[in-house]
Amino acid sequence: EAFDAVKRGAYQEGDVIVIRYEGPRGGPGMREMLATTAA
């Protein structure tokens, strides 16, 4: 969801992008977010 919004530019300066339910249990697997941060 976050990567799609970033790719579309659906965020703005001053936002704190929150990506959740990606922890060890909730993911499961605690994914890395490099694709989103690099974008």
Full PDB file with SEQRES, HELIX, SHEET, SSBOND, CRYST1, ORIGX, SCALE, CONECT and MASTER records, all heavy atoms in Angstrom:
SEQRES   1 A   39  GLU ALA PHE ASP ALA VAL LYS ARG GLY ALA TYR GLN GLU          
SEQRES   2 A   39  GLY ASP VAL ILE VAL ILE ARG TYR GLU GLY PRO ARG GLY          
SEQRES   3 A   39  GLY PRO GLY MET ARG GLU MET LEU ALA THR THR ALA ALA          
HELIX    1 AA1 ALA A    2  ARG A    8  1                                   7    
HELIX    2 AA2 LEU A   34  ALA A   38  1                                   5    
CRYST1    1.000    1.000    1.000  90.00  90.00  90.00 P 1           1          
ORIGX1      1.000000  0.000000  0.000000        0.00000                         
ORIGX2      0.000000  1.000000  0.000000        0.00000                         
ORIGX3      0.000000  0.000000  1.000000        0.00000                         
SCALE1      1.000000  0.000000  0.000000        0.00000                         
SCALE2      0.000000  1.000000  0.000000        0.00000                         
SCALE3      0.000000  0.000000  1.000000        0.00000                         
ATOM      1  N   GLU A   1       0.830  -1.204   0.000  1.00  0.00           N  
ATOM      2  CA  GLU A   1       0.000   0.000   0.000  1.00  0.00           C  
ATOM      3  C   GLU A   1       0.864   1.254   0.000  1.00  0.00           C  
ATOM      4  O   GLU A   1       0.599   2.211  -0.727  1.00  0.00           O  
ATOM      5  CB  GLU A   1      -0.928   0.011   1.224  1.00  0.00           C  
ATOM      6  CG  GLU A   1      -2.043  -1.008   1.207  1.00  0.00           C  
ATOM      7  CD  GLU A   1      -2.905  -0.893   2.447  1.00  0.00           C  
ATOM      8  OE1 GLU A   1      -2.824   0.146   3.155  1.00  0.00           O  
ATOM      9  OE2 GLU A   1      -3.663  -1.838   2.734  1.00  0.00           O  
ATOM     10  N   ALA A   2       1.908   1.239   0.824  1.00  0.00           N  
ATOM     11  CA  ALA A   2       2.784   2.408   0.924  1.00  0.00           C  
ATOM     12  C   ALA A   2       3.553   2.623  -0.377  1.00  0.00           C  
ATOM     13  O   ALA A   2       3.654   3.757  -0.864  1.00  0.00           O  
ATOM     14  CB  ALA A   2       3.744   2.242   2.098  1.00  0.00           C  
ATOM     15  N   PHE A   3       4.105   1.549  -0.937  1.00  0.00           N  
ATOM     16  CA  PHE A   3       4.889   1.687  -2.162  1.00  0.00           C  
ATOM     17  C   PHE A   3       4.020   2.193  -3.306  1.00  0.00           C  
ATOM     18  O   PHE A   3       4.453   3.046  -4.101  1.00  0.00           O  
ATOM     19  CB  PHE A   3       5.527   0.350  -2.536  1.00  0.00           C  
ATOM     20  CG  PHE A   3       6.407   0.425  -3.759  1.00  0.00           C  
ATOM     21  CD1 PHE A   3       7.636   1.067  -3.705  1.00  0.00           C  
ATOM     22  CD2 PHE A   3       6.007  -0.134  -4.959  1.00  0.00           C  
ATOM     23  CE1 PHE A   3       8.457   1.149  -4.825  1.00  0.00           C  
ATOM     24  CE2 PHE A   3       6.815  -0.054  -6.082  1.00  0.00           C  
ATOM     25  CZ  PHE A   3       8.043   0.588  -6.014  1.00  0.00           C  
ATOM     26  N   ASP A   4       2.795   1.708  -3.389  1.00  0.00           N  
ATOM     27  CA  ASP A   4       1.892   2.173  -4.444  1.00  0.00           C  
ATOM     28  C   ASP A   4       1.622   3.666  -4.300  1.00  0.00           C  
ATOM     29  O   ASP A   4       1.611   4.410  -5.296  1.00  0.00           O  
ATOM     30  CB  ASP A   4       0.587   1.383  -4.387  1.00  0.00           C  
ATOM     31  CG  ASP A   4      -0.391   1.798  -5.480  1.00  0.00           C  
ATOM     32  OD1 ASP A   4      -0.076   1.587  -6.662  1.00  0.00           O  
ATOM     33  OD2 ASP A   4      -1.452   2.360  -5.137  1.00  0.00           O  
ATOM     34  N   ALA A   5       1.409   4.119  -3.057  1.00  0.00           N  
ATOM     35  CA  ALA A   5       1.151   5.545  -2.841  1.00  0.00           C  
ATOM     36  C   ALA A   5       2.375   6.385  -3.192  1.00  0.00           C  
ATOM     37  O   ALA A   5       2.259   7.455  -3.806  1.00  0.00           O  
ATOM     38  CB  ALA A   5       0.750   5.780  -1.386  1.00  0.00           C  
ATOM     39  N   VAL A   6       3.557   5.887  -2.817  1.00  0.00           N  
ATOM     40  CA  VAL A   6       4.788   6.616  -3.132  1.00  0.00           C  
ATOM     41  C   VAL A   6       4.993   6.674  -4.644  1.00  0.00           C  
ATOM     42  O   VAL A   6       5.330   7.724  -5.202  1.00  0.00           O  
ATOM     43  CB  VAL A   6       5.997   5.961  -2.434  1.00  0.00           C  
ATOM     44  CG1 VAL A   6       7.308   6.522  -2.976  1.00  0.00           C  
ATOM     45  CG2 VAL A   6       5.924   6.169  -0.921  1.00  0.00           C  
ATOM     46  N   LYS A   7       4.781   5.558  -5.297  1.00  0.00           N  
ATOM     47  CA  LYS A   7       4.966   5.509  -6.744  1.00  0.00           C  
ATOM     48  C   LYS A   7       4.041   6.502  -7.457  1.00  0.00           C  
ATOM     49  O   LYS A   7       4.410   7.128  -8.456  1.00  0.00           O  
ATOM     50  CB  LYS A   7       4.710   4.088  -7.245  1.00  0.00           C  
ATOM     51  CG  LYS A   7       5.144   3.839  -8.673  1.00  0.00           C  
ATOM     52  CD  LYS A   7       5.154   2.351  -9.001  1.00  0.00           C  
ATOM     53  CE  LYS A   7       3.779   1.722  -8.855  1.00  0.00           C  
ATOM     54  NZ  LYS A   7       3.768   0.318  -9.334  1.00  0.00           N  
ATOM     55  N   ARG A   8       2.815   6.652  -6.904  1.00  0.00           N  
ATOM     56  CA  ARG A   8       1.846   7.581  -7.498  1.00  0.00           C  
ATOM     57  C   ARG A   8       2.042   9.023  -7.026  1.00  0.00           C  
ATOM     58  O   ARG A   8       1.350   9.935  -7.490  1.00  0.00           O  
ATOM     59  CB  ARG A   8       0.413   7.145  -7.164  1.00  0.00           C  
ATOM     60  CG  ARG A   8      -0.005   5.844  -7.834  1.00  0.00           C  
ATOM     61  CD  ARG A   8      -1.458   5.495  -7.542  1.00  0.00           C  
ATOM     62  NE  ARG A   8      -1.673   5.068  -6.155  1.00  0.00           N  
ATOM     63  CZ  ARG A   8      -2.243   5.808  -5.216  1.00  0.00           C  
ATOM     64  NH1 ARG A   8      -2.637   7.046  -5.475  1.00  0.00           N  
ATOM     65  NH2 ARG A   8      -2.400   5.319  -3.992  1.00  0.00           N  
ATOM     66  N   GLY A   9       2.964   9.203  -6.072  1.00  0.00           N  
ATOM     67  CA  GLY A   9       3.162  10.535  -5.519  1.00  0.00           C  
ATOM     68  C   GLY A   9       2.033  10.971  -4.612  1.00  0.00           C  
ATOM     69  O   GLY A   9       1.805  12.173  -4.414  1.00  0.00           O  
ATOM     70  N   ALA A  10       1.323   9.986  -4.025  1.00  0.00           N  
ATOM     71  CA  ALA A  10       0.158  10.282  -3.188  1.00  0.00           C  
ATOM     72  C   ALA A  10       0.576  10.528  -1.742  1.00  0.00           C  
ATOM     73  O   ALA A  10       0.067   9.910  -0.798  1.00  0.00           O  
ATOM     74  CB  ALA A  10      -0.845   9.138  -3.271  1.00  0.00           C  
ATOM     75  N   TYR A  11       1.543  11.412  -1.588  1.00  0.00           N  
ATOM     76  CA  TYR A  11       1.985  11.855  -0.272  1.00  0.00           C  
ATOM     77  C   TYR A  11       2.578  13.238  -0.478  1.00  0.00           C  
ATOM     78  O   TYR A  11       2.765  13.695  -1.614  1.00  0.00           O  
ATOM     79  CB  TYR A  11       3.003  10.877   0.330  1.00  0.00           C  
ATOM     80  CG  TYR A  11       4.329  10.831  -0.395  1.00  0.00           C  
ATOM     81  CD1 TYR A  11       5.465  11.427   0.139  1.00  0.00           C  
ATOM     82  CD2 TYR A  11       4.469  10.191  -1.643  1.00  0.00           C  
ATOM     83  CE1 TYR A  11       6.685  11.393  -0.520  1.00  0.00           C  
ATOM     84  CE2 TYR A  11       5.687  10.148  -2.307  1.00  0.00           C  
ATOM     85  CZ  TYR A  11       6.784  10.750  -1.745  1.00  0.00           C  
ATOM     86  OH  TYR A  11       7.984  10.716  -2.402  1.00  0.00           O  
ATOM     87  N   GLN A  12       2.880  13.911   0.621  1.00  0.00           N  
ATOM     88  CA  GLN A  12       3.369  15.275   0.472  1.00  0.00           C  
ATOM     89  C   GLN A  12       4.432  15.597   1.505  1.00  0.00           C  
ATOM     90  O   GLN A  12       4.597  14.870   2.494  1.00  0.00           O  
ATOM     91  CB  GLN A  12       2.217  16.271   0.592  1.00  0.00           C  
ATOM     92  CG  GLN A  12       1.467  16.214   1.913  1.00  0.00           C  
ATOM     93  CD  GLN A  12       0.222  17.074   1.900  1.00  0.00           C  
ATOM     94  OE1 GLN A  12      -0.235  17.523   0.857  1.00  0.00           O  
ATOM     95  NE2 GLN A  12      -0.340  17.312   3.075  1.00  0.00           N  
ATOM     96  N   GLU A  13       5.144  16.667   1.244  1.00  0.00           N  
ATOM     97  CA  GLU A  13       6.167  17.137   2.168  1.00  0.00           C  
ATOM     98  C   GLU A  13       5.561  17.324   3.549  1.00  0.00           C  
ATOM     99  O   GLU A  13       4.465  17.875   3.694  1.00  0.00           O  
ATOM    100  CB  GLU A  13       6.753  18.446   1.650  1.00  0.00           C  
ATOM    101  CG  GLU A  13       7.877  18.995   2.504  1.00  0.00           C  
ATOM    102  CD  GLU A  13       8.522  20.238   1.917  1.00  0.00           C  
ATOM    103  OE1 GLU A  13       8.326  20.488   0.691  1.00  0.00           O  
ATOM    104  OE2 GLU A  13       9.226  20.943   2.658  1.00  0.00           O  
ATOM    105  N   GLY A  14       6.279  16.856   4.561  1.00  0.00           N  
ATOM    106  CA  GLY A  14       5.800  16.970   5.932  1.00  0.00           C  
ATOM    107  C   GLY A  14       5.068  15.742   6.439  1.00  0.00           C  
ATOM    108  O   GLY A  14       4.746  15.665   7.629  1.00  0.00           O  
ATOM    109  N   ASP A  15       4.826  14.765   5.560  1.00  0.00           N  
ATOM    110  CA  ASP A  15       4.169  13.527   5.996  1.00  0.00           C  
ATOM    111  C   ASP A  15       5.142  12.629   6.747  1.00  0.00           C  
ATOM    112  O   ASP A  15       6.348  12.618   6.480  1.00  0.00           O  
ATOM    113  CB  ASP A  15       3.634  12.743   4.794  1.00  0.00           C  
ATOM    114  CG  ASP A  15       2.296  13.257   4.281  1.00  0.00           C  
ATOM    115  OD1 ASP A  15       1.680  14.109   4.968  1.00  0.00           O  
ATOM    116  OD2 ASP A  15       1.871  12.817   3.198  1.00  0.00           O  
ATOM    117  N   VAL A  16       4.596  11.880   7.700  1.00  0.00           N  
ATOM    118  CA  VAL A  16       5.300  10.754   8.300  1.00  0.00           C  
ATOM    119  C   VAL A  16       4.602   9.500   7.790  1.00  0.00           C  
ATOM    120  O   VAL A  16       3.475   9.202   8.186  1.00  0.00           O  
ATOM    121  CB  VAL A  16       5.278  10.796   9.837  1.00  0.00           C  
ATOM    122  CG1 VAL A  16       5.995   9.569  10.405  1.00  0.00           C  
ATOM    123  CG2 VAL A  16       5.917  12.067  10.367  1.00  0.00           C  
ATOM    124  N   ILE A  17       5.249   8.817   6.872  1.00  0.00           N  
ATOM    125  CA  ILE A  17       4.659   7.614   6.287  1.00  0.00           C  
ATOM    126  C   ILE A  17       4.786   6.475   7.303  1.00  0.00           C  
ATOM    127  O   ILE A  17       5.877   6.161   7.772  1.00  0.00           O  
ATOM    128  CB  ILE A  17       5.361   7.265   4.969  1.00  0.00           C  
ATOM    129  CG1 ILE A  17       5.132   8.389   3.951  1.00  0.00           C  
ATOM    130  CG2 ILE A  17       4.877   5.925   4.425  1.00  0.00           C  
ATOM    131  CD1 ILE A  17       5.957   8.258   2.684  1.00  0.00           C  
ATOM    132  N   VAL A  18       3.646   5.885   7.665  1.00  0.00           N  
ATOM    133  CA  VAL A  18       3.590   4.816   8.662  1.00  0.00           C  
ATOM    134  C   VAL A  18       3.273   3.505   7.940  1.00  0.00           C  
ATOM    135  O   VAL A  18       2.229   3.381   7.295  1.00  0.00           O  
ATOM    136  CB  VAL A  18       2.520   5.108   9.729  1.00  0.00           C  
ATOM    137  CG1 VAL A  18       2.448   3.957  10.735  1.00  0.00           C  
ATOM    138  CG2 VAL A  18       2.791   6.433  10.434  1.00  0.00           C  
ATOM    139  N   ILE A  19       4.189   2.543   8.032  1.00  0.00           N  
ATOM    140  CA  ILE A  19       3.951   1.212   7.458  1.00  0.00           C  
ATOM    141  C   ILE A  19       3.894   0.223   8.617  1.00  0.00           C  
ATOM    142  O   ILE A  19       4.888   0.001   9.302  1.00  0.00           O  
ATOM    143  CB  ILE A  19       5.059   0.805   6.472  1.00  0.00           C  
ATOM    144  CG1 ILE A  19       5.257   1.880   5.400  1.00  0.00           C  
ATOM    145  CG2 ILE A  19       4.695  -0.520   5.808  1.00  0.00           C  
ATOM    146  CD1 ILE A  19       6.383   1.582   4.418  1.00  0.00           C  
ATOM    147  N   ARG A  20       2.741  -0.357   8.833  1.00  0.00           N  
ATOM    148  CA  ARG A  20       2.556  -1.215  10.009  1.00  0.00           C  
ATOM    149  C   ARG A  20       2.005  -2.582   9.618  1.00  0.00           C  
ATOM    150  O   ARG A  20       1.758  -2.848   8.462  1.00  0.00           O  
ATOM    151  CB  ARG A  20       1.608  -0.529  10.993  1.00  0.00           C  
ATOM    152  CG  ARG A  20       0.235  -0.215  10.408  1.00  0.00           C  
ATOM    153  CD  ARG A  20      -0.487   0.762  11.273  1.00  0.00           C  
ATOM    154  NE  ARG A  20      -1.793   1.108  10.720  1.00  0.00           N  
ATOM    155  CZ  ARG A  20      -2.590   2.054  11.213  1.00  0.00           C  
ATOM    156  NH1 ARG A  20      -2.204   2.751  12.272  1.00  0.00           N  
ATOM    157  NH2 ARG A  20      -3.756   2.303  10.663  1.00  0.00           N  
ATOM    158  N   TYR A  21       1.853  -3.447  10.615  1.00  0.00           N  
ATOM    159  CA  TYR A  21       1.526  -4.856  10.403  1.00  0.00           C  
ATOM    160  C   TYR A  21       2.580  -5.539   9.542  1.00  0.00           C  
ATOM    161  O   TYR A  21       2.289  -6.445   8.775  1.00  0.00           O  
ATOM    162  CB  TYR A  21       0.116  -5.022   9.819  1.00  0.00           C  
ATOM    163  CG  TYR A  21      -0.950  -4.578  10.789  1.00  0.00           C  
ATOM    164  CD1 TYR A  21      -1.547  -3.326  10.675  1.00  0.00           C  
ATOM    165  CD2 TYR A  21      -1.313  -5.389  11.862  1.00  0.00           C  
ATOM    166  CE1 TYR A  21      -2.492  -2.896  11.587  1.00  0.00           C  
ATOM    167  CE2 TYR A  21      -2.265  -4.976  12.788  1.00  0.00           C  
ATOM    168  CZ  TYR A  21      -2.852  -3.724  12.650  1.00  0.00           C  
ATOM    169  OH  TYR A  21      -3.785  -3.301  13.572  1.00  0.00           O  
ATOM    170  N   GLU A  22       3.825  -5.098   9.709  1.00  0.00           N  
ATOM    171  CA  GLU A  22       4.963  -5.692   9.008  1.00  0.00           C  
ATOM    172  C   GLU A  22       6.020  -6.164   9.999  1.00  0.00           C  
ATOM    173  O   GLU A  22       7.166  -6.391   9.642  1.00  0.00           O  
ATOM    174  CB  GLU A  22       5.582  -4.683   8.036  1.00  0.00           C  
ATOM    175  CG  GLU A  22       4.716  -4.333   6.842  1.00  0.00           C  
ATOM    176  CD  GLU A  22       4.631  -5.447   5.809  1.00  0.00           C  
ATOM    177  OE1 GLU A  22       5.140  -6.559   6.079  1.00  0.00           O  
ATOM    178  OE2 GLU A  22       4.040  -5.214   4.734  1.00  0.00           O  
ATOM    179  N   GLY A  23       5.638  -6.339  11.280  1.00  0.00           N  
ATOM    180  CA  GLY A  23       6.587  -6.792  12.290  1.00  0.00           C  
ATOM    181  C   GLY A  23       6.871  -8.283  12.189  1.00  0.00           C  
ATOM    182  O   GLY A  23       6.369  -8.970  11.287  1.00  0.00           O  
ATOM    183  N   PRO A  24       7.654  -8.824  13.118  1.00  0.00           N  
ATOM    184  CA  PRO A  24       7.997 -10.249  13.069  1.00  0.00           C  
ATOM    185  C   PRO A  24       6.759 -11.148  13.029  1.00  0.00           C  
ATOM    186  O   PRO A  24       6.692 -12.083  12.232  1.00  0.00           O  
ATOM    187  CB  PRO A  24       8.805 -10.469  14.356  1.00  0.00           C  
ATOM    188  CG  PRO A  24       9.373  -9.124  14.680  1.00  0.00           C  
ATOM    189  CD  PRO A  24       8.333  -8.132  14.240  1.00  0.00           C  
ATOM    190  N   ARG A  25       5.790 -10.845  13.880  1.00  0.00           N  
ATOM    191  CA  ARG A  25       4.584 -11.672  13.943  1.00  0.00           C  
ATOM    192  C   ARG A  25       3.531 -11.209  12.945  1.00  0.00           C  
ATOM    193  O   ARG A  25       2.881 -12.011  12.280  1.00  0.00           O  
ATOM    194  CB  ARG A  25       3.992 -11.630  15.352  1.00  0.00           C  
ATOM    195  CG  ARG A  25       2.748 -12.501  15.525  1.00  0.00           C  
ATOM    196  CD  ARG A  25       2.239 -12.475  16.958  1.00  0.00           C  
ATOM    197  NE  ARG A  25       3.249 -12.994  17.883  1.00  0.00           N  
ATOM    198  CZ  ARG A  25       3.067 -13.108  19.196  1.00  0.00           C  
ATOM    199  NH1 ARG A  25       1.923 -12.714  19.741  1.00  0.00           N  
ATOM    200  NH2 ARG A  25       4.021 -13.594  19.959  1.00  0.00           N  
ATOM    201  N   GLY A  26       3.369  -9.930  12.813  1.00  0.00           N  
ATOM    202  CA  GLY A  26       2.272  -9.395  12.010  1.00  0.00           C  
ATOM    203  C   GLY A  26       2.481  -9.470  10.532  1.00  0.00           C  
ATOM    204  O   GLY A  26       1.525  -9.448   9.755  1.00  0.00           O  
ATOM    205  N   GLY A  27       3.739  -9.553  10.082  1.00  0.00           N  
ATOM    206  CA  GLY A  27       4.001  -9.605   8.648  1.00  0.00           C  
ATOM    207  C   GLY A  27       3.371 -10.815   7.967  1.00  0.00           C  
ATOM    208  O   GLY A  27       2.601 -10.651   7.042  1.00  0.00           O  
ATOM    209  N   PRO A  28       3.669 -12.046   8.430  1.00  0.00           N  
ATOM    210  CA  PRO A  28       4.805 -12.310   9.307  1.00  0.00           C  
ATOM    211  C   PRO A  28       6.129 -12.150   8.560  1.00  0.00           C  
ATOM    212  O   PRO A  28       6.149 -12.148   7.341  1.00  0.00           O  
ATOM    213  CB  PRO A  28       4.587 -13.759   9.743  1.00  0.00           C  
ATOM    214  CG  PRO A  28       3.695 -14.362   8.709  1.00  0.00           C  
ATOM    215  CD  PRO A  28       2.944 -13.267   8.046  1.00  0.00           C  
ATOM    216  N   GLY A  29       7.206 -11.978   9.340  1.00  0.00           N  
ATOM    217  CA  GLY A  29       8.528 -11.986   8.746  1.00  0.00           C  
ATOM    218  C   GLY A  29       9.289 -10.680   8.763  1.00  0.00           C  
ATOM    219  O   GLY A  29      10.430 -10.641   8.342  1.00  0.00           O  
ATOM    220  N   MET A  30       8.671  -9.572   9.206  1.00  0.00           N  
ATOM    221  CA  MET A  30       9.394  -8.318   9.389  1.00  0.00           C  
ATOM    222  C   MET A  30      10.164  -7.914   8.135  1.00  0.00           C  
ATOM    223  O   MET A  30      11.382  -7.853   8.109  1.00  0.00           O  
ATOM    224  CB  MET A  30      10.332  -8.414  10.591  1.00  0.00           C  
ATOM    225  CG  MET A  30      10.720  -7.061  11.173  1.00  0.00           C  
ATOM    226  SD  MET A  30      11.794  -7.246  12.605  1.00  0.00           S  
ATOM    227  CE  MET A  30      11.965  -5.532  13.102  1.00  0.00           C  
ATOM    228  N   ARG A  31       9.424  -7.599   7.085  1.00  0.00           N  
ATOM    229  CA  ARG A  31      10.043  -7.276   5.803  1.00  0.00           C  
ATOM    230  C   ARG A  31      10.866  -5.987   5.865  1.00  0.00           C  
ATOM    231  O   ARG A  31      10.587  -5.086   6.635  1.00  0.00           O  
ATOM    232  CB  ARG A  31       8.975  -7.117   4.721  1.00  0.00           C  
ATOM    233  CG  ARG A  31       8.327  -8.410   4.312  1.00  0.00           C  
ATOM    234  CD  ARG A  31       7.476  -8.243   3.085  1.00  0.00           C  
ATOM    235  NE  ARG A  31       6.273  -7.481   3.320  1.00  0.00           N  
ATOM    236  CZ  ARG A  31       5.377  -7.193   2.377  1.00  0.00           C  
ATOM    237  NH1 ARG A  31       5.584  -7.595   1.129  1.00  0.00           N  
ATOM    238  NH2 ARG A  31       4.309  -6.501   2.659  1.00  0.00           N  
ATOM    239  N   GLU A  32      11.873  -5.923   4.984  1.00  0.00           N  
ATOM    240  CA  GLU A  32      12.619  -4.686   4.781  1.00  0.00           C  
ATOM    241  C   GLU A  32      11.869  -3.787   3.807  1.00  0.00           C  
ATOM    242  O   GLU A  32      11.155  -4.255   2.929  1.00  0.00           O  
ATOM    243  CB  GLU A  32      14.013  -4.992   4.211  1.00  0.00           C  
ATOM    244  CG  GLU A  32      14.925  -5.658   5.211  1.00  0.00           C  
ATOM    245  CD  GLU A  32      16.323  -5.887   4.655  1.00  0.00           C  
ATOM    246  OE1 GLU A  32      16.526  -5.681   3.447  1.00  0.00           O  
ATOM    247  OE2 GLU A  32      17.201  -6.285   5.431  1.00  0.00           O  
ATOM    248  N   MET A  33      12.067  -2.481   3.966  1.00  0.00           N  
ATOM    249  CA  MET A  33      11.302  -1.492   3.210  1.00  0.00           C  
ATOM    250  C   MET A  33      12.166  -0.734   2.201  1.00  0.00           C  
ATOM    251  O   MET A  33      11.865   0.407   1.864  1.00  0.00           O  
ATOM    252  CB  MET A  33      10.660  -0.488   4.187  1.00  0.00           C  
ATOM    253  CG  MET A  33       9.806  -1.141   5.254  1.00  0.00           C  
ATOM    254  SD  MET A  33       8.372  -1.950   4.576  1.00  0.00           S  
ATOM    255  CE  MET A  33       7.994  -3.135   5.857  1.00  0.00           C  
ATOM    256  N   LEU A  34      13.226  -1.340   1.709  1.00  0.00           N  
ATOM    257  CA  LEU A  34      14.135  -0.614   0.833  1.00  0.00           C  
ATOM    258  C   LEU A  34      13.453  -0.135  -0.446  1.00  0.00           C  
ATOM    259  O   LEU A  34      13.751   0.959  -0.934  1.00  0.00           O  
ATOM    260  CB  LEU A  34      15.344  -1.485   0.477  1.00  0.00           C  
ATOM    261  CG  LEU A  34      16.361  -0.856  -0.482  1.00  0.00           C  
ATOM    262  CD1 LEU A  34      16.914   0.447   0.074  1.00  0.00           C  
ATOM    263  CD2 LEU A  34      17.490  -1.828  -0.792  1.00  0.00           C  
ATOM    264  N   ALA A  35      12.570  -0.932  -1.010  1.00  0.00           N  
ATOM    265  CA  ALA A  35      11.913  -0.509  -2.250  1.00  0.00           C  
ATOM    266  C   ALA A  35      11.187   0.816  -2.045  1.00  0.00           C  
ATOM    267  O   ALA A  35      11.248   1.720  -2.891  1.00  0.00           O  
ATOM    268  CB  ALA A  35      10.941  -1.586  -2.726  1.00  0.00           C  
ATOM    269  N   THR A  36      10.513   0.959  -0.913  1.00  0.00           N  
ATOM    270  CA  THR A  36       9.766   2.183  -0.637  1.00  0.00           C  
ATOM    271  C   THR A  36      10.693   3.341  -0.307  1.00  0.00           C  
ATOM    272  O   THR A  36      10.552   4.444  -0.844  1.00  0.00           O  
ATOM    273  CB  THR A  36       8.778   1.948   0.529  1.00  0.00           C  
ATOM    274  OG1 THR A  36       7.897   0.879   0.175  1.00  0.00           O  
ATOM    275  CG2 THR A  36       7.963   3.204   0.808  1.00  0.00           C  
ATOM    276  N   THR A  37      11.674   3.111   0.577  1.00  0.00           N  
ATOM    277  CA  THR A  37      12.561   4.209   0.965  1.00  0.00           C  
ATOM    278  C   THR A  37      13.425   4.664  -0.209  1.00  0.00           C  
ATOM    279  O   THR A  37      13.680   5.862  -0.373  1.00  0.00           O  
ATOM    280  CB  THR A  37      13.455   3.811   2.151  1.00  0.00           C  
ATOM    281  OG1 THR A  37      14.271   2.685   1.799  1.00  0.00           O  
ATOM    282  CG2 THR A  37      12.611   3.447   3.362  1.00  0.00           C  
ATOM    283  N   ALA A  38      13.870   3.717  -1.026  1.00  0.00           N  
ATOM    284  CA  ALA A  38      14.678   4.085  -2.189  1.00  0.00           C  
ATOM    285  C   ALA A  38      13.852   4.879  -3.197  1.00  0.00           C  
ATOM    286  O   ALA A  38      14.354   5.825  -3.815  1.00  0.00           O  
ATOM    287  CB  ALA A  38      15.260   2.830  -2.842  1.00  0.00           C  
ATOM    288  N   ALA A  39      12.580   4.500  -3.362  1.00  0.00           N  
ATOM    289  CA  ALA A  39      11.712   5.234  -4.280  1.00  0.00           C  
ATOM    290  C   ALA A  39      11.508   6.670  -3.808  1.00  0.00           C  
ATOM    291  O   ALA A  39      11.472   7.612  -4.615  1.00  0.00           O  
ATOM    292  CB  ALA A  39      10.370   4.522  -4.417  1.00  0.00           C  
TER     293      ALA A  39                                                      
MASTER        0    0    0    2    0    0    0    6  292    1    0    3          
END                                                                             
